[in-house]
Each structure stands twice: as structure tokens, then as C-alpha cells.
């Protein structure tokens, strides 16, 4: 299920459930690099290797299943994860304003010149 398909109170519950595991996955530097280079298959592979429990938790919540008993098949997992990485809603939800503004910066931040 796409994030945009979850509405109302269920959306709030889903965000509350996935924010920690998704943040852990998306803060992994290797996942970030692969995703930024648009290598979604590599990002998914790294996430599966380094964060299997978090991946299953996120997928379970998005499928409306109990994370404790969720058991997708071997073929379902990579497809669901790649679909999730390709979901623009996920990117918007977990991209901070600092990350987007930094890319538009015209130069370095100024140094503090106060007396020390």
C-alpha cells in the first residue's frame, strides 16, 4: 500500500508506527547514497541486509498487518520495498527542510566572529 492511500486516523497511526524504523533505515549512509544515486535496487538490498526487522515492521504497517505475525513471501518483499523506495510520499515525509535547503545554498555558512 502507498502512503498516500492511508487516510485520516489510520494515517496518524501508521506514521506513529513507522517513523522510528523508517528513520533508522533512511539514516543509514549506504542506503542514503544508493537512494540519492537513484539506485533503488541497491538501496533496497542494503536496507534488507542491514535493517531486516525494521523493513518488515514498515511493510507490515503499510499492509495493515500485525508486525509480530507478518510473513510476506520471498517474492513479495523486494517488490514491496522497491515500491516503497519509489513512493514520492515517503521521500517527502522523511526529507527534512534542512536537506532541501542545503542543496540550494550559494556558499558556506559564516563563521561566528564574537570575541572568545
PDB file of N, CA and C in Angstrom:
ATOM      1  N   UNK A   1       0.845  -1.176   0.000  1.00  0.00           N
ATOM      2  CA  UNK A   1       0.000   0.000   0.000  1.00  0.00           C
ATOM      3  C   UNK A   1       0.895   1.246   0.000  1.00  0.00           C
ATOM      4  N   UNK A   2       0.495   2.253  -0.747  1.00  0.00           N
ATOM      5  CA  UNK A   2       1.239   3.511  -0.780  1.00  0.00           C
ATOM      6  C   UNK A   2       0.844   4.364   0.418  1.00  0.00           C
ATOM      7  N   UNK A   3       1.770   5.196   0.861  1.00  0.00           N
ATOM      8  CA  UNK A   3       1.478   6.080   1.976  1.00  0.00           C
ATOM      9  C   UNK A   3       0.284   6.982   1.673  1.00  0.00           C
ATOM     10  N   UNK A   4       0.168   7.422   0.434  1.00  0.00           N
ATOM     11  CA  UNK A   4      -0.917   8.332   0.056  1.00  0.00           C
ATOM     12  C   UNK A   4      -2.289   7.665   0.125  1.00  0.00           C
ATOM     13  N   UNK A   5      -2.332   6.353   0.174  1.00  0.00           N
ATOM     14  CA  UNK A   5      -3.607   5.634   0.236  1.00  0.00           C
ATOM     15  C   UNK A   5      -4.129   5.507   1.665  1.00  0.00           C
ATOM     16  N   UNK A   6      -3.303   5.798   2.635  1.00  0.00           N
ATOM     17  CA  UNK A   6      -3.716   5.712   4.034  1.00  0.00           C
ATOM     18  C   UNK A   6      -4.224   7.083   4.447  1.00  0.00           C
ATOM     19  N   UNK A   7      -5.420   7.151   4.970  1.00  0.00           N
ATOM     20  CA  UNK A   7      -6.068   8.432   5.254  1.00  0.00           C
ATOM     21  C   UNK A   7      -6.527   8.536   6.710  1.00  0.00           C
ATOM     22  N   UNK A   8      -6.712   9.770   7.154  1.00  0.00           N
ATOM     23  CA  UNK A   8      -7.317  10.068   8.443  1.00  0.00           C
ATOM     24  C   UNK A   8      -6.560   9.508   9.632  1.00  0.00           C
ATOM     25  N   UNK A   9      -7.329   8.974  10.569  1.00  0.00           N
ATOM     26  CA  UNK A   9      -6.754   8.453  11.805  1.00  0.00           C
ATOM     27  C   UNK A   9      -5.803   7.285  11.542  1.00  0.00           C
ATOM     28  N   UNK A  10      -6.115   6.481  10.535  1.00  0.00           N
ATOM     29  CA  UNK A  10      -5.223   5.369  10.185  1.00  0.00           C
ATOM     30  C   UNK A  10      -3.874   5.894   9.710  1.00  0.00           C
ATOM     31  N   UNK A  11      -3.859   7.043   9.057  1.00  0.00           N
ATOM     32  CA  UNK A  11      -2.604   7.651   8.603  1.00  0.00           C
ATOM     33  C   UNK A  11      -1.754   8.077   9.809  1.00  0.00           C
ATOM     34  N   UNK A  12      -2.400   8.651  10.789  1.00  0.00           N
ATOM     35  CA  UNK A  12      -1.682   9.068  12.007  1.00  0.00           C
ATOM     36  C   UNK A  12      -1.101   7.854  12.711  1.00  0.00           C
ATOM     37  N   UNK A  13      -1.889   6.806  12.835  1.00  0.00           N
ATOM     38  CA  UNK A  13      -1.412   5.584  13.477  1.00  0.00           C
ATOM     39  C   UNK A  13      -0.251   4.968  12.693  1.00  0.00           C
ATOM     40  N   UNK A  14      -0.351   4.971  11.369  1.00  0.00           N
ATOM     41  CA  UNK A  14       0.707   4.393  10.537  1.00  0.00           C
ATOM     42  C   UNK A  14       2.012   5.185  10.682  1.00  0.00           C
ATOM     43  N   UNK A  15       1.913   6.505  10.649  1.00  0.00           N
ATOM     44  CA  UNK A  15       3.116   7.331  10.815  1.00  0.00           C
ATOM     45  C   UNK A  15       3.758   7.071  12.169  1.00  0.00           C
ATOM     46  N   UNK A  16       2.933   7.020  13.208  1.00  0.00           N
ATOM     47  CA  UNK A  16       3.465   6.768  14.552  1.00  0.00           C
ATOM     48  C   UNK A  16       4.185   5.424  14.620  1.00  0.00           C
ATOM     49  N   UNK A  17       3.674   4.438  13.897  1.00  0.00           N
ATOM     50  CA  UNK A  17       4.269   3.094  13.908  1.00  0.00           C
ATOM     51  C   UNK A  17       5.539   2.993  13.077  1.00  0.00           C
ATOM     52  N   UNK A  18       5.610   3.716  11.959  1.00  0.00           N
ATOM     53  CA  UNK A  18       6.753   3.523  11.053  1.00  0.00           C
ATOM     54  C   UNK A  18       7.853   4.564  11.213  1.00  0.00           C
ATOM     55  N   UNK A  19       7.617   5.634  11.946  1.00  0.00           N
ATOM     56  CA  UNK A  19       8.588   6.720  11.959  1.00  0.00           C
ATOM     57  C   UNK A  19       9.958   6.283  12.492  1.00  0.00           C
ATOM     58  N   UNK A  20       9.975   5.520  13.569  1.00  0.00           N
ATOM     59  CA  UNK A  20      11.273   5.087  14.120  1.00  0.00           C
ATOM     60  C   UNK A  20      11.993   4.088  13.211  1.00  0.00           C
ATOM     61  N   UNK A  21      11.339   2.998  12.803  1.00  0.00           N
ATOM     62  CA  UNK A  21      12.074   2.059  11.942  1.00  0.00           C
ATOM     63  C   UNK A  21      12.450   2.669  10.586  1.00  0.00           C
ATOM     64  N   UNK A  22      11.574   3.475  10.019  1.00  0.00           N
ATOM     65  CA  UNK A  22      11.881   4.091   8.722  1.00  0.00           C
ATOM     66  C   UNK A  22      13.031   5.078   8.853  1.00  0.00           C
ATOM     67  N   UNK A  23      13.059   5.837   9.929  1.00  0.00           N
ATOM     68  CA  UNK A  23      14.153   6.789  10.153  1.00  0.00           C
ATOM     69  C   UNK A  23      15.473   6.050  10.311  1.00  0.00           C
ATOM     70  N   UNK A  24      15.453   4.931  11.022  1.00  0.00           N
ATOM     71  CA  UNK A  24      16.672   4.146  11.175  1.00  0.00           C
ATOM     72  C   UNK A  24      17.188   3.670   9.814  1.00  0.00           C
ATOM     73  N   UNK A  25      16.287   3.178   8.987  1.00  0.00           N
ATOM     74  CA  UNK A  25      16.676   2.704   7.651  1.00  0.00           C
ATOM     75  C   UNK A  25      17.210   3.862   6.811  1.00  0.00           C
ATOM     76  N   UNK A  26      16.468   4.958   6.782  1.00  0.00           N
ATOM     77  CA  UNK A  26      16.821   6.071   5.907  1.00  0.00           C
ATOM     78  C   UNK A  26      18.008   6.891   6.415  1.00  0.00           C
ATOM     79  N   UNK A  27      18.399   6.710   7.665  1.00  0.00           N
ATOM     80  CA  UNK A  27      19.595   7.387   8.179  1.00  0.00           C
ATOM     81  C   UNK A  27      20.865   6.577   7.933  1.00  0.00           C
ATOM     82  N   UNK A  28      20.723   5.365   7.433  1.00  0.00           N
ATOM     83  CA  UNK A  28      21.876   4.546   7.076  1.00  0.00           C
ATOM     84  C   UNK A  28      22.562   5.201   5.871  1.00  0.00           C
ATOM     85  N   UNK A  29      23.828   5.571   6.038  1.00  0.00           N
ATOM     86  CA  UNK A  29      24.553   6.304   4.993  1.00  0.00           C
ATOM     87  C   UNK A  29      24.597   5.541   3.669  1.00  0.00           C
ATOM     88  N   UNK A  30      24.744   4.231   3.733  1.00  0.00           N
ATOM     89  CA  UNK A  30      24.792   3.435   2.500  1.00  0.00           C
ATOM     90  C   UNK A  30      23.442   3.448   1.788  1.00  0.00           C
ATOM     91  N   UNK A  31      22.365   3.374   2.538  1.00  0.00           N
ATOM     92  CA  UNK A  31      21.028   3.442   1.950  1.00  0.00           C
ATOM     93  C   UNK A  31      20.836   4.822   1.316  1.00  0.00           C
ATOM     94  N   UNK A  32      21.233   5.875   2.047  1.00  0.00           N
ATOM     95  CA  UNK A  32      21.102   7.242   1.523  1.00  0.00           C
ATOM     96  C   UNK A  32      21.837   7.412   0.203  1.00  0.00           C
ATOM     97  N   UNK A  33      23.087   6.970   0.164  1.00  0.00           N
ATOM     98  CA  UNK A  33      23.884   7.133  -1.051  1.00  0.00           C
ATOM     99  C   UNK A  33      23.263   6.410  -2.242  1.00  0.00           C
ATOM    100  N   UNK A  34      22.822   5.188  -2.012  1.00  0.00           N
ATOM    101  CA  UNK A  34      22.208   4.415  -3.099  1.00  0.00           C
ATOM    102  C   UNK A  34      20.909   5.072  -3.563  1.00  0.00           C
ATOM    103  N   UNK A  35      20.096   5.524  -2.620  1.00  0.00           N
ATOM    104  CA  UNK A  35      18.819   6.151  -2.979  1.00  0.00           C
ATOM    105  C   UNK A  35      19.040   7.464  -3.717  1.00  0.00           C
ATOM    106  N   UNK A  36      19.996   8.264  -3.244  1.00  0.00           N
ATOM    107  CA  UNK A  36      20.273   9.547  -3.910  1.00  0.00           C
ATOM    108  C   UNK A  36      20.799   9.356  -5.322  1.00  0.00           C
ATOM    109  N   UNK A  37      21.523   8.261  -5.559  1.00  0.00           N
ATOM    110  CA  UNK A  37      22.037   7.998  -6.908  1.00  0.00           C
ATOM    111  C   UNK A  37      20.995   7.275  -7.763  1.00  0.00           C
ATOM    112  N   UNK A  38      19.780   7.199  -7.231  1.00  0.00           N
ATOM    113  CA  UNK A  38      18.642   6.563  -7.934  1.00  0.00           C
ATOM    114  C   UNK A  38      18.847   5.075  -8.169  1.00  0.00           C
ATOM    115  N   UNK A  39      19.723   4.446  -7.376  1.00  0.00           N
ATOM    116  CA  UNK A  39      19.926   3.002  -7.463  1.00  0.00           C
ATOM    117  C   UNK A  39      19.029   2.345  -6.408  1.00  0.00           C
ATOM    118  N   UNK A  40      17.749   2.282  -6.731  1.00  0.00           N
ATOM    119  CA  UNK A  40      16.745   1.803  -5.784  1.00  0.00           C
ATOM    120  C   UNK A  40      16.961   0.343  -5.417  1.00  0.00           C
ATOM    121  N   UNK A  41      17.385  -0.474  -6.372  1.00  0.00           N
ATOM    122  CA  UNK A  41      17.628  -1.886  -6.073  1.00  0.00           C
ATOM    123  C   UNK A  41      18.742  -2.020  -5.044  1.00  0.00           C
ATOM    124  N   UNK A  42      19.803  -1.239  -5.182  1.00  0.00           N
ATOM    125  CA  UNK A  42      20.902  -1.282  -4.207  1.00  0.00           C
ATOM    126  C   UNK A  42      20.437  -0.766  -2.858  1.00  0.00           C
ATOM    127  N   UNK A  43      19.647   0.297  -2.837  1.00  0.00           N
ATOM    128  CA  UNK A  43      19.133   0.836  -1.574  1.00  0.00           C
ATOM    129  C   UNK A  43      18.269  -0.206  -0.871  1.00  0.00           C
ATOM    130  N   UNK A  44      17.430  -0.879  -1.633  1.00  0.00           N
ATOM    131  CA  UNK A  44      16.574  -1.923  -1.058  1.00  0.00           C
ATOM    132  C   UNK A  44      17.419  -3.078  -0.528  1.00  0.00           C
ATOM    133  N   UNK A  45      18.430  -3.485  -1.273  1.00  0.00           N
ATOM    134  CA  UNK A  45      19.301  -4.577  -0.845  1.00  0.00           C
ATOM    135  C   UNK A  45      20.028  -4.236   0.456  1.00  0.00           C
ATOM    136  N   UNK A  46      20.547  -3.034   0.533  1.00  0.00           N
ATOM    137  CA  UNK A  46      21.261  -2.597   1.738  1.00  0.00           C
ATOM    138  C   UNK A  46      20.302  -2.544   2.922  1.00  0.00           C
ATOM    139  N   UNK A  47      19.110  -2.016   2.700  1.00  0.00           N
ATOM    140  CA  UNK A  47      18.121  -1.951   3.777  1.00  0.00           C
ATOM    141  C   UNK A  47      17.761  -3.348   4.275  1.00  0.00           C
ATOM    142  N   UNK A  48      17.594  -4.286   3.341  1.00  0.00           N
ATOM    143  CA  UNK A  48      17.257  -5.660   3.733  1.00  0.00           C
ATOM    144  C   UNK A  48      18.392  -6.313   4.527  1.00  0.00           C
ATOM    145  N   UNK A  49      19.627  -6.071   4.120  1.00  0.00           N
ATOM    146  CA  UNK A  49      20.776  -6.670   4.812  1.00  0.00           C
ATOM    147  C   UNK A  49      21.011  -6.053   6.185  1.00  0.00           C
ATOM    148  N   UNK A  50      20.908  -4.729   6.264  1.00  0.00           N
ATOM    149  CA  UNK A  50      21.280  -4.024   7.496  1.00  0.00           C
ATOM    150  C   UNK A  50      20.123  -3.785   8.460  1.00  0.00           C
ATOM    151  N   UNK A  51      18.879  -3.846   7.968  1.00  0.00           N
ATOM    152  CA  UNK A  51      17.725  -3.498   8.806  1.00  0.00           C
ATOM    153  C   UNK A  51      16.522  -4.411   8.539  1.00  0.00           C
ATOM    154  N   UNK A  52      16.699  -5.725   8.577  1.00  0.00           N
ATOM    155  CA  UNK A  52      15.595  -6.616   8.206  1.00  0.00           C
ATOM    156  C   UNK A  52      14.357  -6.475   9.092  1.00  0.00           C
ATOM    157  N   UNK A  53      14.528  -6.327  10.385  1.00  0.00           N
ATOM    158  CA  UNK A  53      13.371  -6.208  11.282  1.00  0.00           C
ATOM    159  C   UNK A  53      12.619  -4.905  11.042  1.00  0.00           C
ATOM    160  N   UNK A  54      13.363  -3.832  10.810  1.00  0.00           N
ATOM    161  CA  UNK A  54      12.736  -2.540  10.560  1.00  0.00           C
ATOM    162  C   UNK A  54      11.971  -2.564   9.227  1.00  0.00           C
ATOM    163  N   UNK A  55      12.558  -3.195   8.214  1.00  0.00           N
ATOM    164  CA  UNK A  55      11.891  -3.306   6.917  1.00  0.00           C
ATOM    165  C   UNK A  55      10.571  -4.061   7.082  1.00  0.00           C
ATOM    166  N   UNK A  56      10.605  -5.185   7.743  1.00  0.00           N
ATOM    167  CA  UNK A  56       9.379  -5.967   7.940  1.00  0.00           C
ATOM    168  C   UNK A  56       8.331  -5.181   8.727  1.00  0.00           C
ATOM    169  N   UNK A  57       8.775  -4.435   9.722  1.00  0.00           N
ATOM    170  CA  UNK A  57       7.842  -3.638  10.530  1.00  0.00           C
ATOM    171  C   UNK A  57       7.134  -2.604   9.655  1.00  0.00           C
ATOM    172  N   UNK A  58       7.903  -1.873   8.854  1.00  0.00           N
ATOM    173  CA  UNK A  58       7.327  -0.845   7.981  1.00  0.00           C
ATOM    174  C   UNK A  58       6.368  -1.478   6.970  1.00  0.00           C
ATOM    175  N   UNK A  59       6.799  -2.554   6.336  1.00  0.00           N
ATOM    176  CA  UNK A  59       5.945  -3.210   5.344  1.00  0.00           C
ATOM    177  C   UNK A  59       4.655  -3.733   5.972  1.00  0.00           C
ATOM    178  N   UNK A  60       4.754  -4.296   7.163  1.00  0.00           N
ATOM    179  CA  UNK A  60       3.567  -4.813   7.848  1.00  0.00           C
ATOM    180  C   UNK A  60       2.563  -3.703   8.112  1.00  0.00           C
ATOM    181  N   UNK A  61       3.048  -2.597   8.652  1.00  0.00           N
ATOM    182  CA  UNK A  61       2.147  -1.478   8.968  1.00  0.00           C
ATOM    183  C   UNK A  61       1.478  -0.962   7.697  1.00  0.00           C
ATOM    184  N   UNK A  62       2.253  -0.806   6.632  1.00  0.00           N
ATOM    185  CA  UNK A  62       1.686  -0.294   5.387  1.00  0.00           C
ATOM    186  C   UNK A  62       0.706  -1.275   4.744  1.00  0.00           C
ATOM    187  N   UNK A  63       0.864  -2.553   5.038  1.00  0.00           N
ATOM    188  CA  UNK A  63      -0.074  -3.558   4.538  1.00  0.00           C
ATOM    189  C   UNK A  63      -1.248  -3.780   5.497  1.00  0.00           C
ATOM    190  N   UNK A  64      -1.263  -3.039   6.612  1.00  0.00           N
ATOM    191  CA  UNK A  64      -2.347  -3.183   7.578  1.00  0.00           C
ATOM    192  C   UNK A  64      -2.285  -4.478   8.359  1.00  0.00           C
ATOM    193  N   UNK A  65      -1.072  -5.015   8.502  1.00  0.00           N
ATOM    194  CA  UNK A  65      -0.882  -6.286   9.201  1.00  0.00           C
ATOM    195  C   UNK A  65      -0.191  -6.061  10.546  1.00  0.00           C
ATOM    196  N   UNK A  66      -0.239  -7.065  11.399  1.00  0.00           N
ATOM    197  CA  UNK A  66       0.455  -7.030  12.685  1.00  0.00           C
ATOM    198  C   UNK A  66       1.938  -7.328  12.441  1.00  0.00           C
ATOM    199  N   UNK A  67       2.833  -6.404  12.804  1.00  0.00           N
ATOM    200  CA  UNK A  67       4.267  -6.630  12.588  1.00  0.00           C
ATOM    201  C   UNK A  67       4.802  -7.892  13.264  1.00  0.00           C
ATOM    202  N   UNK A  68       4.167  -8.330  14.339  1.00  0.00           N
ATOM    203  CA  UNK A  68       4.622  -9.521  15.070  1.00  0.00           C
ATOM    204  C   UNK A  68       4.353 -10.811  14.301  1.00  0.00           C
ATOM    205  N   UNK A  69       3.342 -10.810  13.458  1.00  0.00           N
ATOM    206  CA  UNK A  69       2.969 -12.040  12.753  1.00  0.00           C
ATOM    207  C   UNK A  69       3.102 -11.914  11.235  1.00  0.00           C
ATOM    208  N   UNK A  70       3.588 -10.796  10.763  1.00  0.00           N
ATOM    209  CA  UNK A  70       3.699 -10.525   9.327  1.00  0.00           C
ATOM    210  C   UNK A  70       4.772 -11.400   8.697  1.00  0.00           C
ATOM    211  N   UNK A  71       4.396 -12.147   7.660  1.00  0.00           N
ATOM    212  CA  UNK A  71       5.328 -13.033   6.971  1.00  0.00           C
ATOM    213  C   UNK A  71       5.096 -12.984   5.466  1.00  0.00           C
ATOM    214  N   UNK A  72       5.591 -11.916   4.818  1.00  0.00           N
ATOM    215  CA  UNK A  72       5.442 -11.859   3.358  1.00  0.00           C
ATOM    216  C   UNK A  72       6.344 -12.898   2.699  1.00  0.00           C
ATOM    217  N   UNK A  73       6.011 -13.258   1.470  1.00  0.00           N
ATOM    218  CA  UNK A  73       6.800 -14.273   0.767  1.00  0.00           C
ATOM    219  C   UNK A  73       8.108 -13.683   0.247  1.00  0.00           C
ATOM    220  N   UNK A  74       8.997 -14.563  -0.145  1.00  0.00           N
ATOM    221  CA  UNK A  74      10.295 -14.170  -0.698  1.00  0.00           C
ATOM    222  C   UNK A  74      10.141 -13.221  -1.882  1.00  0.00           C
ATOM    223  N   UNK A  75       9.155 -13.465  -2.708  1.00  0.00           N
ATOM    224  CA  UNK A  75       8.955 -12.629  -3.894  1.00  0.00           C
ATOM    225  C   UNK A  75       8.260 -11.304  -3.581  1.00  0.00           C
ATOM    226  N   UNK A  76       7.476 -11.267  -2.528  1.00  0.00           N
ATOM    227  CA  UNK A  76       6.761 -10.043  -2.160  1.00  0.00           C
ATOM    228  C   UNK A  76       7.682  -8.983  -1.558  1.00  0.00           C
ATOM    229  N   UNK A  77       8.640  -9.412  -0.769  1.00  0.00           N
ATOM    230  CA  UNK A  77       9.467  -8.464  -0.017  1.00  0.00           C
ATOM    231  C   UNK A  77      10.218  -7.475  -0.916  1.00  0.00           C
ATOM    232  N   UNK A  78      11.016  -7.938  -1.887  1.00  0.00           N
ATOM    233  CA  UNK A  78      11.743  -6.948  -2.692  1.00  0.00           C
ATOM    234  C   UNK A  78      10.815  -6.034  -3.494  1.00  0.00           C
ATOM    235  N   UNK A  79       9.720  -6.584  -4.022  1.00  0.00           N
ATOM    236  CA  UNK A  79       8.793  -5.752  -4.788  1.00  0.00           C
ATOM    237  C   UNK A  79       8.194  -4.670  -3.904  1.00  0.00           C
ATOM    238  N   UNK A  80       7.742  -5.043  -2.726  1.00  0.00           N
ATOM    239  CA  UNK A  80       7.135  -4.076  -1.809  1.00  0.00           C
ATOM    240  C   UNK A  80       8.146  -3.011  -1.393  1.00  0.00           C
ATOM    241  N   UNK A  81       9.370  -3.425  -1.127  1.00  0.00           N
ATOM    242  CA  UNK A  81      10.387  -2.477  -0.679  1.00  0.00           C
ATOM    243  C   UNK A  81      10.779  -1.520  -1.802  1.00  0.00           C
ATOM    244  N   UNK A  82      10.939  -2.029  -3.003  1.00  0.00           N
ATOM    245  CA  UNK A  82      11.269  -1.159  -4.144  1.00  0.00           C
ATOM    246  C   UNK A  82      10.119  -0.187  -4.410  1.00  0.00           C
ATOM    247  N   UNK A  83       8.887  -0.674  -4.330  1.00  0.00           N
ATOM    248  CA  UNK A  83       7.734   0.216  -4.491  1.00  0.00           C
ATOM    249  C   UNK A  83       7.759   1.320  -3.423  1.00  0.00           C
ATOM    250  N   UNK A  84       8.125   0.946  -2.215  1.00  0.00           N
ATOM    251  CA  UNK A  84       8.179   1.912  -1.122  1.00  0.00           C
ATOM    252  C   UNK A  84       9.258   2.965  -1.368  1.00  0.00           C
ATOM    253  N   UNK A  85      10.444   2.543  -1.798  1.00  0.00           N
ATOM    254  CA  UNK A  85      11.513   3.495  -2.093  1.00  0.00           C
ATOM    255  C   UNK A  85      11.136   4.420  -3.250  1.00  0.00           C
ATOM    256  N   UNK A  86      10.310   3.940  -4.168  1.00  0.00           N
ATOM    257  CA  UNK A  86       9.876   4.748  -5.308  1.00  0.00           C
ATOM    258  C   UNK A  86       8.683   5.641  -4.980  1.00  0.00           C
ATOM    259  N   UNK A  87       8.121   5.510  -3.789  1.00  0.00           N
ATOM    260  CA  UNK A  87       6.948   6.292  -3.394  1.00  0.00           C
ATOM    261  C   UNK A  87       7.375   7.719  -3.045  1.00  0.00           C
ATOM    262  N   UNK A  88       6.934   8.722  -3.814  1.00  0.00           N
ATOM    263  CA  UNK A  88       7.331  10.099  -3.524  1.00  0.00           C
ATOM    264  C   UNK A  88       6.838  10.585  -2.163  1.00  0.00           C
ATOM    265  N   UNK A  89       5.754   9.998  -1.656  1.00  0.00           N
ATOM    266  CA  UNK A  89       5.241  10.363  -0.343  1.00  0.00           C
ATOM    267  C   UNK A  89       6.255  10.027   0.758  1.00  0.00           C
ATOM    268  N   UNK A  90       6.940   8.898   0.604  1.00  0.00           N
ATOM    269  CA  UNK A  90       7.948   8.501   1.590  1.00  0.00           C
ATOM    270  C   UNK A  90       9.077   9.515   1.597  1.00  0.00           C
ATOM    271  N   UNK A  91       9.524   9.884   0.441  1.00  0.00           N
ATOM    272  CA  UNK A  91      10.611  10.861   0.328  1.00  0.00           C
ATOM    273  C   UNK A  91      10.215  12.180   0.968  1.00  0.00           C
ATOM    274  N   UNK A  92       9.009  12.636   0.690  1.00  0.00           N
ATOM    275  CA  UNK A  92       8.541  13.898   1.258  1.00  0.00           C
ATOM    276  C   UNK A  92       8.412  13.821   2.774  1.00  0.00           C
ATOM    277  N   UNK A  93       7.975  12.681   3.270  1.00  0.00           N
ATOM    278  CA  UNK A  93       7.775  12.516   4.710  1.00  0.00           C
ATOM    279  C   UNK A  93       9.088  12.514   5.474  1.00  0.00           C
ATOM    280  N   UNK A  94      10.127  11.906   4.909  1.00  0.00           N
ATOM    281  CA  UNK A  94      11.377  11.739   5.639  1.00  0.00           C
ATOM    282  C   UNK A  94      12.514  12.629   5.153  1.00  0.00           C
ATOM    283  N   UNK A  95      12.223  13.649   4.336  1.00  0.00           N
ATOM    284  CA  UNK A  95      13.245  14.601   3.935  1.00  0.00           C
ATOM    285  C   UNK A  95      13.029  15.859   4.748  1.00  0.00           C
ATOM    286  N   UNK A  96      14.054  16.240   5.501  1.00  0.00           N
ATOM    287  CA  UNK A  96      13.921  17.423   6.342  1.00  0.00           C
ATOM    288  C   UNK A  96      14.129  18.677   5.504  1.00  0.00           C
ATOM    289  N   UNK A  97      13.576  19.819   5.927  1.00  0.00           N
ATOM    290  CA  UNK A  97      13.791  21.069   5.206  1.00  0.00           C
ATOM    291  C   UNK A  97      15.276  21.425   5.108  1.00  0.00           C
ATOM    292  N   UNK A  98      16.064  21.063   6.102  1.00  0.00           N
ATOM    293  CA  UNK A  98      17.497  21.335   6.079  1.00  0.00           C
ATOM    294  C   UNK A  98      18.157  20.672   4.883  1.00  0.00           C
ATOM    295  N   UNK A  99      17.739  19.462   4.549  1.00  0.00           N
ATOM    296  CA  UNK A  99      18.347  18.728   3.444  1.00  0.00           C
ATOM    297  C   UNK A  99      18.040  19.390   2.110  1.00  0.00           C
ATOM    298  N   UNK A 100      16.839  19.911   1.932  1.00  0.00           N
ATOM    299  CA  UNK A 100      16.499  20.524   0.665  1.00  0.00           C
ATOM    300  C   UNK A 100      17.097  21.918   0.553  1.00  0.00           C
ATOM    301  N   UNK A 101      17.172  22.665   1.639  1.00  0.00           N
ATOM    302  CA  UNK A 101      17.748  24.000   1.597  1.00  0.00           C
ATOM    303  C   UNK A 101      19.246  23.945   1.396  1.00  0.00           C
ATOM    304  N   UNK A 102      19.910  22.956   1.953  1.00  0.00           N
ATOM    305  CA  UNK A 102      21.359  22.860   1.835  1.00  0.00           C
ATOM    306  C   UNK A 102      21.784  22.707   0.384  1.00  0.00           C
ATOM    307  N   UNK A 103      20.990  22.039  -0.403  1.00  0.00           N
ATOM    308  CA  UNK A 103      21.328  21.838  -1.808  1.00  0.00           C
ATOM    309  C   UNK A 103      21.259  23.140  -2.590  1.00  0.00           C
ATOM    310  N   UNK A 104      20.483  24.115  -2.104  1.00  0.00           N
ATOM    311  CA  UNK A 104      20.326  25.372  -2.802  1.00  0.00           C
ATOM    312  C   UNK A 104      21.265  26.451  -2.291  1.00  0.00           C
ATOM    313  N   UNK A 105      22.067  26.150  -1.297  1.00  0.00           N
ATOM    314  CA  UNK A 105      22.948  27.133  -0.695  1.00  0.00           C
ATOM    315  C   UNK A 105      23.973  27.644  -1.708  1.00  0.00           C
ATOM    316  N   UNK A 106      24.265  28.952  -1.626  1.00  0.00           N
ATOM    317  CA  UNK A 106      25.217  29.540  -2.565  1.00  0.00           C
ATOM    318  C   UNK A 106      26.627  29.585  -2.002  1.00  0.00           C
ATOM    319  N   UNK A 107      26.799  29.243  -0.756  1.00  0.00           N
ATOM    320  CA  UNK A 107      28.131  29.278  -0.174  1.00  0.00           C
ATOM    321  C   UNK A 107      28.141  28.764   1.236  1.00  0.00           C
ATOM    322  N   UNK A 108      29.326  28.781   1.863  1.00  0.00           N
ATOM    323  CA  UNK A 108      29.425  28.262   3.230  1.00  0.00           C
ATOM    324  C   UNK A 108      28.768  29.189   4.235  1.00  0.00           C
ATOM    325  N   UNK A 109      28.413  28.597   5.378  1.00  0.00           N
ATOM    326  CA  UNK A 109      27.869  29.394   6.469  1.00  0.00           C
ATOM    327  C   UNK A 109      28.945  30.330   7.002  1.00  0.00           C
ATOM    328  N   UNK A 110      28.527  31.489   7.520  1.00  0.00           N
ATOM    329  CA  UNK A 110      29.523  32.408   8.090  1.00  0.00           C
ATOM    330  C   UNK A 110      29.990  31.923   9.440  1.00  0.00           C
ATOM    331  N   UNK A 111      31.190  32.288   9.737  1.00  0.00           N
ATOM    332  CA  UNK A 111      31.790  31.912  10.999  1.00  0.00           C
ATOM    333  C   UNK A 111      31.354  32.904  12.059  1.00  0.00           C
ATOM    334  N   UNK A 112      31.204  32.442  13.299  1.00  0.00           N
ATOM    335  CA  UNK A 112      30.880  33.306  14.414  1.00  0.00           C
ATOM    336  C   UNK A 112      32.092  34.164  14.721  1.00  0.00           C
ATOM    337  N   UNK A 113      31.915  35.481  14.714  1.00  0.00           N
ATOM    338  CA  UNK A 113      33.055  36.389  14.907  1.00  0.00           C
ATOM    339  C   UNK A 113      33.062  37.045  16.278  1.00  0.00           C
ATOM    340  N   UNK A 114      32.198  36.565  17.184  1.00  0.00           N
ATOM    341  CA  UNK A 114      32.169  37.118  18.532  1.00  0.00           C
ATOM    342  C   UNK A 114      33.490  36.831  19.239  1.00  0.00           C
ATOM    343  N   UNK A 115      33.853  37.727  20.195  1.00  0.00           N
ATOM    344  CA  UNK A 115      35.073  37.516  20.991  1.00  0.00           C
ATOM    345  C   UNK A 115      34.960  36.231  21.755  1.00  0.00           C
ATOM    346  N   UNK A 116      36.076  35.530  21.845  1.00  0.00           N
ATOM    347  CA  UNK A 116      36.057  34.241  22.550  1.00  0.00           C
ATOM    348  C   UNK A 116      36.667  34.358  23.881  1.00  0.00           C
TER     349      UNK A 116
END
